[in-house]
PDB file of all heavy atoms in Angstrom:
ATOM      1  N   LEU A   1      93.271  -6.972  -2.174  1.00  0.00           N
ATOM      2  CA  LEU A   1      94.518  -6.910  -2.934  1.00  0.00           C
ATOM      3  C   LEU A   1      95.482  -6.320  -2.140  1.00  0.00           C
ATOM      4  O   LEU A   1      95.293  -5.305  -1.394  1.00  0.00           O
ATOM      5  CB  LEU A   1      94.175  -6.053  -4.203  1.00  0.00           C
ATOM      6  CG  LEU A   1      95.241  -5.553  -5.155  1.00  0.00           C
ATOM      7  CD1 LEU A   1      95.841  -6.969  -5.763  1.00  0.00           C
ATOM      8  CD2 LEU A   1      94.653  -4.775  -6.218  1.00  0.00           C
ATOM      9  N   ILE A   2      96.750  -6.870  -2.116  1.00  0.00           N
ATOM     10  CA  ILE A   2      97.888  -6.251  -1.398  1.00  0.00           C
ATOM     11  C   ILE A   2      98.785  -5.709  -2.489  1.00  0.00           C
ATOM     12  O   ILE A   2      99.376  -6.466  -3.341  1.00  0.00           O
ATOM     13  CB  ILE A   2      98.592  -7.273  -0.571  1.00  0.00           C
ATOM     14  CG1 ILE A   2      97.620  -8.120   0.327  1.00  0.00           C
ATOM     15  CG2 ILE A   2      99.850  -6.611   0.302  1.00  0.00           C
ATOM     16  CD1 ILE A   2      96.989  -7.153   1.409  1.00  0.00           C
ATOM     17  N   SER A   3      99.016  -4.360  -2.468  1.00  0.00           N
ATOM     18  CA  SER A   3     100.023  -3.686  -3.366  1.00  0.00           C
ATOM     19  C   SER A   3     101.337  -3.667  -2.799  1.00  0.00           C
ATOM     20  O   SER A   3     101.574  -3.280  -1.762  1.00  0.00           O
ATOM     21  CB  SER A   3      99.509  -2.187  -3.596  1.00  0.00           C
ATOM     22  OG  SER A   3     100.484  -1.654  -4.248  1.00  0.00           O
ATOM     23  N   ALA A   4     102.346  -4.179  -3.516  1.00  0.00           N
ATOM     24  CA  ALA A   4     103.807  -4.222  -3.023  1.00  0.00           C
ATOM     25  C   ALA A   4     104.230  -2.810  -2.886  1.00  0.00           C
ATOM     26  O   ALA A   4     105.141  -2.615  -2.167  1.00  0.00           O
ATOM     27  CB  ALA A   4     104.544  -4.987  -3.909  1.00  0.00           C
ATOM     28  N   HIS A   5     103.837  -1.853  -3.727  1.00  0.00           N
ATOM     29  CA  HIS A   5     104.480  -0.541  -3.760  1.00  0.00           C
ATOM     30  C   HIS A   5     103.537   0.617  -3.327  1.00  0.00           C
ATOM     31  O   HIS A   5     103.684   1.749  -3.687  1.00  0.00           O
ATOM     32  CB  HIS A   5     105.102  -0.232  -5.185  1.00  0.00           C
ATOM     33  CG  HIS A   5     106.050  -1.283  -5.552  1.00  0.00           C
ATOM     34  ND1 HIS A   5     107.154  -1.457  -4.823  1.00  0.00           N
ATOM     35  CD2 HIS A   5     106.021  -2.209  -6.494  1.00  0.00           C
ATOM     36  CE1 HIS A   5     107.865  -2.575  -5.357  1.00  0.00           C
ATOM     37  NE2 HIS A   5     107.183  -2.996  -6.445  1.00  0.00           N
ATOM     38  N   GLY A   6     102.281   0.231  -2.749  1.00  0.00           N
ATOM     39  CA  GLY A   6     101.390   1.190  -2.263  1.00  0.00           C
ATOM     40  C   GLY A   6     101.076   2.250  -3.277  1.00  0.00           C
ATOM     41  O   GLY A   6     100.729   1.924  -4.443  1.00  0.00           O
ATOM     42  N   ARG A   7     101.128   3.473  -2.735  1.00  0.00           N
ATOM     43  CA  ARG A   7     100.776   4.605  -3.718  1.00  0.00           C
ATOM     44  C   ARG A   7     101.635   4.849  -4.848  1.00  0.00           C
ATOM     45  O   ARG A   7     101.367   5.606  -5.773  1.00  0.00           O
ATOM     46  CB  ARG A   7     100.579   5.856  -2.794  1.00  0.00           C
ATOM     47  CG  ARG A   7     101.949   6.418  -2.338  1.00  0.00           C
ATOM     48  CD  ARG A   7     101.712   7.591  -1.352  1.00  0.00           C
ATOM     49  NE  ARG A   7     101.256   7.202  -0.070  1.00  0.00           N
ATOM     50  CZ  ARG A   7     100.043   7.534   0.477  1.00  0.00           C
ATOM     51  NH1 ARG A   7      99.192   8.194  -0.140  1.00  0.00           N
ATOM     52  NH2 ARG A   7      99.721   7.168   1.606  1.00  0.00           N
ATOM     53  N   HIS A   8     102.753   4.133  -4.869  1.00  0.00           N
ATOM     54  CA  HIS A   8     103.622   4.078  -6.153  1.00  0.00           C
ATOM     55  C   HIS A   8     103.379   3.232  -7.212  1.00  0.00           C
ATOM     56  O   HIS A   8     103.994   3.222  -8.219  1.00  0.00           O
ATOM     57  CB  HIS A   8     105.060   4.006  -5.669  1.00  0.00           C
ATOM     58  CG  HIS A   8     105.565   4.926  -4.671  1.00  0.00           C
ATOM     59  ND1 HIS A   8     105.834   6.299  -4.932  1.00  0.00           N
ATOM     60  CD2 HIS A   8     105.728   4.903  -3.249  1.00  0.00           C
ATOM     61  CE1 HIS A   8     106.164   6.889  -4.054  1.00  0.00           C
ATOM     62  NE2 HIS A   8     106.127   6.167  -2.912  1.00  0.00           N
ATOM     63  N   ALA A   9     102.384   2.197  -6.930  1.00  0.00           N
ATOM     64  CA  ALA A   9     102.091   1.245  -7.989  1.00  0.00           C
ATOM     65  C   ALA A   9     101.141   1.839  -9.020  1.00  0.00           C
ATOM     66  O   ALA A   9     100.330   2.720  -8.713  1.00  0.00           O
ATOM     67  CB  ALA A   9     101.359   0.115  -7.377  1.00  0.00           C
ATOM     68  N   HIS A  10     101.436   1.655 -10.317  1.00  0.00           N
ATOM     69  CA  HIS A  10     100.724   2.196 -11.429  1.00  0.00           C
ATOM     70  C   HIS A  10      99.330   1.941 -11.276  1.00  0.00           C
ATOM     71  O   HIS A  10      98.435   2.844 -11.578  1.00  0.00           O
ATOM     72  CB  HIS A  10     101.284   1.861 -12.689  1.00  0.00           C
ATOM     73  CG  HIS A  10     102.559   2.387 -12.968  1.00  0.00           C
ATOM     74  ND1 HIS A  10     102.917   3.710 -13.291  1.00  0.00           N
ATOM     75  CD2 HIS A  10     103.865   1.803 -12.957  1.00  0.00           C
ATOM     76  CE1 HIS A  10     104.147   3.965 -13.432  1.00  0.00           C
ATOM     77  NE2 HIS A  10     104.932   2.812 -13.277  1.00  0.00           N
ATOM     78  N   TYR A  11      98.804   0.727 -10.889  1.00  0.00           N
ATOM     79  CA  TYR A  11      97.494   0.489 -10.831  1.00  0.00           C
ATOM     80  C   TYR A  11      96.855   1.151  -9.767  1.00  0.00           C
ATOM     81  O   TYR A  11      95.652   1.490  -9.788  1.00  0.00           O
ATOM     82  CB  TYR A  11      97.252  -1.106 -10.892  1.00  0.00           C
ATOM     83  CG  TYR A  11      97.624  -1.896  -9.693  1.00  0.00           C
ATOM     84  CD1 TYR A  11      96.960  -1.916  -8.398  1.00  0.00           C
ATOM     85  CD2 TYR A  11      98.792  -2.602  -9.597  1.00  0.00           C
ATOM     86  CE1 TYR A  11      97.229  -2.607  -7.387  1.00  0.00           C
ATOM     87  CE2 TYR A  11      99.130  -3.333  -8.643  1.00  0.00           C
ATOM     88  CZ  TYR A  11      98.480  -3.373  -7.546  1.00  0.00           C
ATOM     89  OH  TYR A  11      98.930  -4.101  -6.441  1.00  0.00           O
ATOM     90  N   VAL A  12      97.492   1.485  -8.691  1.00  0.00           N
ATOM     91  CA  VAL A  12      96.977   2.286  -7.596  1.00  0.00           C
ATOM     92  C   VAL A  12      96.746   3.704  -8.094  1.00  0.00           C
ATOM     93  O   VAL A  12      95.757   4.300  -7.810  1.00  0.00           O
ATOM     94  CB  VAL A  12      97.848   2.306  -6.370  1.00  0.00           C
ATOM     95  CG1 VAL A  12      97.229   3.217  -5.291  1.00  0.00           C
ATOM     96  CG2 VAL A  12      97.714   0.918  -5.749  1.00  0.00           C
ATOM     97  N   HIS A  13      97.683   4.299  -8.926  1.00  0.00           N
ATOM     98  CA  HIS A  13      97.454   5.549  -9.525  1.00  0.00           C
ATOM     99  C   HIS A  13      96.138   5.540 -10.284  1.00  0.00           C
ATOM    100  O   HIS A  13      95.363   6.493 -10.229  1.00  0.00           O
ATOM    101  CB  HIS A  13      98.629   6.001 -10.473  1.00  0.00           C
ATOM    102  CG  HIS A  13      99.861   6.356  -9.663  1.00  0.00           C
ATOM    103  ND1 HIS A  13     100.212   7.681  -9.443  1.00  0.00           N
ATOM    104  CD2 HIS A  13     100.844   5.578  -9.180  1.00  0.00           C
ATOM    105  CE1 HIS A  13     101.353   7.665  -8.769  1.00  0.00           C
ATOM    106  NE2 HIS A  13     101.823   6.313  -8.662  1.00  0.00           N
ATOM    107  N   ASN A  14      96.005   4.495 -11.163  1.00  0.00           N
ATOM    108  CA  ASN A  14      94.880   4.283 -11.956  1.00  0.00           C
ATOM    109  C   ASN A  14      93.620   4.236 -11.188  1.00  0.00           C
ATOM    110  O   ASN A  14      92.560   4.947 -11.663  1.00  0.00           O
ATOM    111  CB  ASN A  14      94.927   3.101 -12.894  1.00  0.00           C
ATOM    112  CG  ASN A  14      96.116   3.347 -13.979  1.00  0.00           C
ATOM    113  OD1 ASN A  14      96.495   4.361 -14.273  1.00  0.00           O
ATOM    114  ND2 ASN A  14      96.516   2.221 -14.492  1.00  0.00           N
ATOM    115  N   LEU A  15      93.493   3.494 -10.200  1.00  0.00           N
ATOM    116  CA  LEU A  15      92.386   3.358  -9.339  1.00  0.00           C
ATOM    117  C   LEU A  15      91.914   4.555  -8.601  1.00  0.00           C
ATOM    118  O   LEU A  15      90.738   4.686  -8.301  1.00  0.00           O
ATOM    119  CB  LEU A  15      92.193   1.982  -8.685  1.00  0.00           C
ATOM    120  CG  LEU A  15      93.189   1.743  -7.552  1.00  0.00           C
ATOM    121  CD1 LEU A  15      92.778   2.315  -6.237  1.00  0.00           C
ATOM    122  CD2 LEU A  15      93.166   0.223  -7.307  1.00  0.00           C
ATOM    123  N   LEU A  16      92.912   5.350  -8.149  1.00  0.00           N
ATOM    124  CA  LEU A  16      92.682   6.554  -7.444  1.00  0.00           C
ATOM    125  C   LEU A  16      92.072   7.527  -8.470  1.00  0.00           C
ATOM    126  O   LEU A  16      91.121   8.418  -8.044  1.00  0.00           O
ATOM    127  CB  LEU A  16      94.006   7.201  -6.881  1.00  0.00           C
ATOM    128  CG  LEU A  16      94.517   6.446  -5.659  1.00  0.00           C
ATOM    129  CD1 LEU A  16      95.945   7.027  -5.338  1.00  0.00           C
ATOM    130  CD2 LEU A  16      93.607   6.484  -4.554  1.00  0.00           C
ATOM    131  N   ALA A  17      92.386   7.427  -9.794  1.00  0.00           N
ATOM    132  CA  ALA A  17      91.890   8.355 -10.805  1.00  0.00           C
ATOM    133  C   ALA A  17      90.447   7.938 -11.121  1.00  0.00           C
ATOM    134  O   ALA A  17      89.497   8.788 -11.400  1.00  0.00           O
ATOM    135  CB  ALA A  17      92.719   8.497 -12.062  1.00  0.00           C
ATOM    136  N   ASP A  18      90.177   6.659 -11.171  1.00  0.00           N
ATOM    137  CA  ASP A  18      88.954   6.051 -11.439  1.00  0.00           C
ATOM    138  C   ASP A  18      88.903   4.776 -10.749  1.00  0.00           C
ATOM    139  O   ASP A  18      89.423   3.878 -11.136  1.00  0.00           O
ATOM    140  CB  ASP A  18      88.770   5.801 -12.971  1.00  0.00           C
ATOM    141  CG  ASP A  18      87.377   5.235 -13.413  1.00  0.00           C
ATOM    142  OD1 ASP A  18      86.560   4.968 -12.511  1.00  0.00           O
ATOM    143  OD2 ASP A  18      87.212   5.164 -14.612  1.00  0.00           O
ATOM    144  N   PRO A  19      87.981   4.768  -9.524  1.00  0.00           N
ATOM    145  CA  PRO A  19      87.982   3.543  -8.759  1.00  0.00           C
ATOM    146  C   PRO A  19      87.136   2.409  -9.306  1.00  0.00           C
ATOM    147  O   PRO A  19      87.071   1.257  -8.805  1.00  0.00           O
ATOM    148  CB  PRO A  19      87.395   4.138  -7.392  1.00  0.00           C
ATOM    149  CG  PRO A  19      86.569   5.348  -7.845  1.00  0.00           C
ATOM    150  CD  PRO A  19      87.320   5.946  -9.051  1.00  0.00           C
ATOM    151  N   ARG A  20      86.499   2.655 -10.479  1.00  0.00           N
ATOM    152  CA  ARG A  20      85.650   1.579 -11.102  1.00  0.00           C
ATOM    153  C   ARG A  20      86.633   0.602 -11.753  1.00  0.00           C
ATOM    154  O   ARG A  20      87.510   0.991 -12.669  1.00  0.00           O
ATOM    155  CB  ARG A  20      84.759   2.049 -12.114  1.00  0.00           C
ATOM    156  CG  ARG A  20      83.651   2.961 -11.432  1.00  0.00           C
ATOM    157  CD  ARG A  20      82.645   3.590 -12.522  1.00  0.00           C
ATOM    158  NE  ARG A  20      83.699   4.512 -13.270  1.00  0.00           N
ATOM    159  CZ  ARG A  20      83.354   5.120 -14.424  1.00  0.00           C
ATOM    160  NH1 ARG A  20      82.140   4.976 -14.845  1.00  0.00           N
ATOM    161  NH2 ARG A  20      84.215   5.809 -15.030  1.00  0.00           N
ATOM    162  N   VAL A  21      86.582  -0.654 -11.322  1.00  0.00           N
ATOM    163  CA  VAL A  21      87.540  -1.747 -11.841  1.00  0.00           C
ATOM    164  C   VAL A  21      86.802  -2.980 -12.207  1.00  0.00           C
ATOM    165  O   VAL A  21      85.541  -3.116 -11.880  1.00  0.00           O
ATOM    166  CB  VAL A  21      88.580  -2.054 -10.724  1.00  0.00           C
ATOM    167  CG1 VAL A  21      89.552  -0.859 -10.465  1.00  0.00           C
ATOM    168  CG2 VAL A  21      87.990  -2.634  -9.597  1.00  0.00           C
ATOM    169  N   ARG A  22      87.379  -3.869 -12.935  1.00  0.00           N
ATOM    170  CA  ARG A  22      86.932  -5.242 -13.097  1.00  0.00           C
ATOM    171  C   ARG A  22      88.104  -6.183 -12.509  1.00  0.00           C
ATOM    172  O   ARG A  22      89.189  -5.816 -12.675  1.00  0.00           O
ATOM    173  CB  ARG A  22      86.740  -5.530 -14.556  1.00  0.00           C
ATOM    174  CG  ARG A  22      85.498  -4.768 -15.207  1.00  0.00           C
ATOM    175  CD  ARG A  22      85.157  -5.284 -16.581  1.00  0.00           C
ATOM    176  NE  ARG A  22      86.209  -5.771 -17.437  1.00  0.00           N
ATOM    177  CZ  ARG A  22      86.043  -6.781 -18.296  1.00  0.00           C
ATOM    178  NH1 ARG A  22      84.801  -7.252 -18.665  1.00  0.00           N
ATOM    179  NH2 ARG A  22      86.907  -7.158 -19.179  1.00  0.00           N
ATOM    180  N   VAL A  23      87.589  -7.242 -12.059  1.00  0.00           N
ATOM    181  CA  VAL A  23      88.420  -8.349 -11.522  1.00  0.00           C
ATOM    182  C   VAL A  23      87.952  -9.605 -12.267  1.00  0.00           C
ATOM    183  O   VAL A  23      86.937 -10.060 -12.142  1.00  0.00           O
ATOM    184  CB  VAL A  23      88.369  -8.612 -10.087  1.00  0.00           C
ATOM    185  CG1 VAL A  23      89.345  -9.615  -9.510  1.00  0.00           C
ATOM    186  CG2 VAL A  23      88.678  -7.216  -9.328  1.00  0.00           C
ATOM    187  N   GLY A  24      89.044 -10.247 -12.764  1.00  0.00           N
ATOM    188  CA  GLY A  24      88.824 -11.564 -13.486  1.00  0.00           C
ATOM    189  C   GLY A  24      89.268 -12.671 -12.686  1.00  0.00           C
ATOM    190  O   GLY A  24      90.582 -12.746 -12.327  1.00  0.00           O
ATOM    191  N   VAL A  25      88.408 -13.561 -12.272  1.00  0.00           N
ATOM    192  CA  VAL A  25      88.876 -14.759 -11.396  1.00  0.00           C
ATOM    193  C   VAL A  25      88.542 -15.959 -12.197  1.00  0.00           C
ATOM    194  O   VAL A  25      87.449 -16.079 -12.763  1.00  0.00           O
ATOM    195  CB  VAL A  25      87.958 -14.642 -10.086  1.00  0.00           C
ATOM    196  CG1 VAL A  25      88.260 -15.729  -9.079  1.00  0.00           C
ATOM    197  CG2 VAL A  25      88.166 -13.290  -9.345  1.00  0.00           C
ATOM    198  N   ALA A  26      89.469 -16.956 -12.026  1.00  0.00           N
ATOM    199  CA  ALA A  26      89.306 -18.199 -12.641  1.00  0.00           C
ATOM    200  C   ALA A  26      88.150 -19.022 -12.094  1.00  0.00           C
ATOM    201  O   ALA A  26      88.003 -19.077 -10.827  1.00  0.00           O
ATOM    202  CB  ALA A  26      90.528 -18.913 -12.544  1.00  0.00           C
ATOM    203  N   ASP A  27      87.388 -19.535 -12.956  1.00  0.00           N
ATOM    204  CA  ASP A  27      86.154 -20.408 -12.514  1.00  0.00           C
ATOM    205  C   ASP A  27      86.059 -21.442 -13.632  1.00  0.00           C
ATOM    206  O   ASP A  27      85.499 -21.155 -14.736  1.00  0.00           O
ATOM    207  CB  ASP A  27      85.037 -19.501 -12.478  1.00  0.00           C
ATOM    208  CG  ASP A  27      83.746 -20.373 -11.920  1.00  0.00           C
ATOM    209  OD1 ASP A  27      83.957 -21.350 -11.395  1.00  0.00           O
ATOM    210  OD2 ASP A  27      82.655 -19.819 -12.038  1.00  0.00           O
ATOM    211  N   GLY A  28      86.398 -22.698 -13.301  1.00  0.00           N
ATOM    212  CA  GLY A  28      86.275 -23.743 -14.243  1.00  0.00           C
ATOM    213  C   GLY A  28      87.179 -23.549 -15.550  1.00  0.00           C
ATOM    214  O   GLY A  28      86.761 -23.906 -16.642  1.00  0.00           O
ATOM    215  N   GLY A  29      88.385 -23.024 -15.354  1.00  0.00           N
ATOM    216  CA  GLY A  29      89.313 -22.929 -16.471  1.00  0.00           C
ATOM    217  C   GLY A  29      89.030 -21.596 -17.292  1.00  0.00           C
ATOM    218  O   GLY A  29      89.726 -21.300 -18.258  1.00  0.00           O
ATOM    219  N   ARG A  30      88.027 -20.800 -17.024  1.00  0.00           N
ATOM    220  CA  ARG A  30      87.727 -19.587 -17.673  1.00  0.00           C
ATOM    221  C   ARG A  30      87.721 -18.439 -16.660  1.00  0.00           C
ATOM    222  O   ARG A  30      87.444 -18.735 -15.509  1.00  0.00           O
ATOM    223  CB  ARG A  30      86.278 -19.618 -18.361  1.00  0.00           C
ATOM    224  CG  ARG A  30      86.349 -20.740 -19.382  1.00  0.00           C
ATOM    225  CD  ARG A  30      85.022 -20.803 -20.072  1.00  0.00           C
ATOM    226  NE  ARG A  30      84.794 -19.499 -20.785  1.00  0.00           N
ATOM    227  CZ  ARG A  30      83.650 -18.918 -21.036  1.00  0.00           C
ATOM    228  NH1 ARG A  30      82.525 -19.652 -20.699  1.00  0.00           N
ATOM    229  NH2 ARG A  30      83.546 -17.923 -21.705  1.00  0.00           N
ATOM    230  N   LEU A  31      87.870 -17.174 -17.168  1.00  0.00           N
ATOM    231  CA  LEU A  31      87.829 -16.062 -16.217  1.00  0.00           C
ATOM    232  C   LEU A  31      86.358 -15.709 -16.085  1.00  0.00           C
ATOM    233  O   LEU A  31      85.650 -15.464 -17.131  1.00  0.00           O
ATOM    234  CB  LEU A  31      88.596 -14.845 -16.744  1.00  0.00           C
ATOM    235  CG  LEU A  31      90.119 -14.972 -16.529  1.00  0.00           C
ATOM    236  CD1 LEU A  31      90.737 -13.663 -16.883  1.00  0.00           C
ATOM    237  CD2 LEU A  31      90.532 -15.374 -15.061  1.00  0.00           C
TER     238      LEU A  31
END
């Protein structure tokens, strides 16, 4: 993932607080 605003991006703040994430990727029209 490339963050446009680095440490200023809200999702970067969130993953620094809790690095456990989920990623939804399209597969056959569904995530």
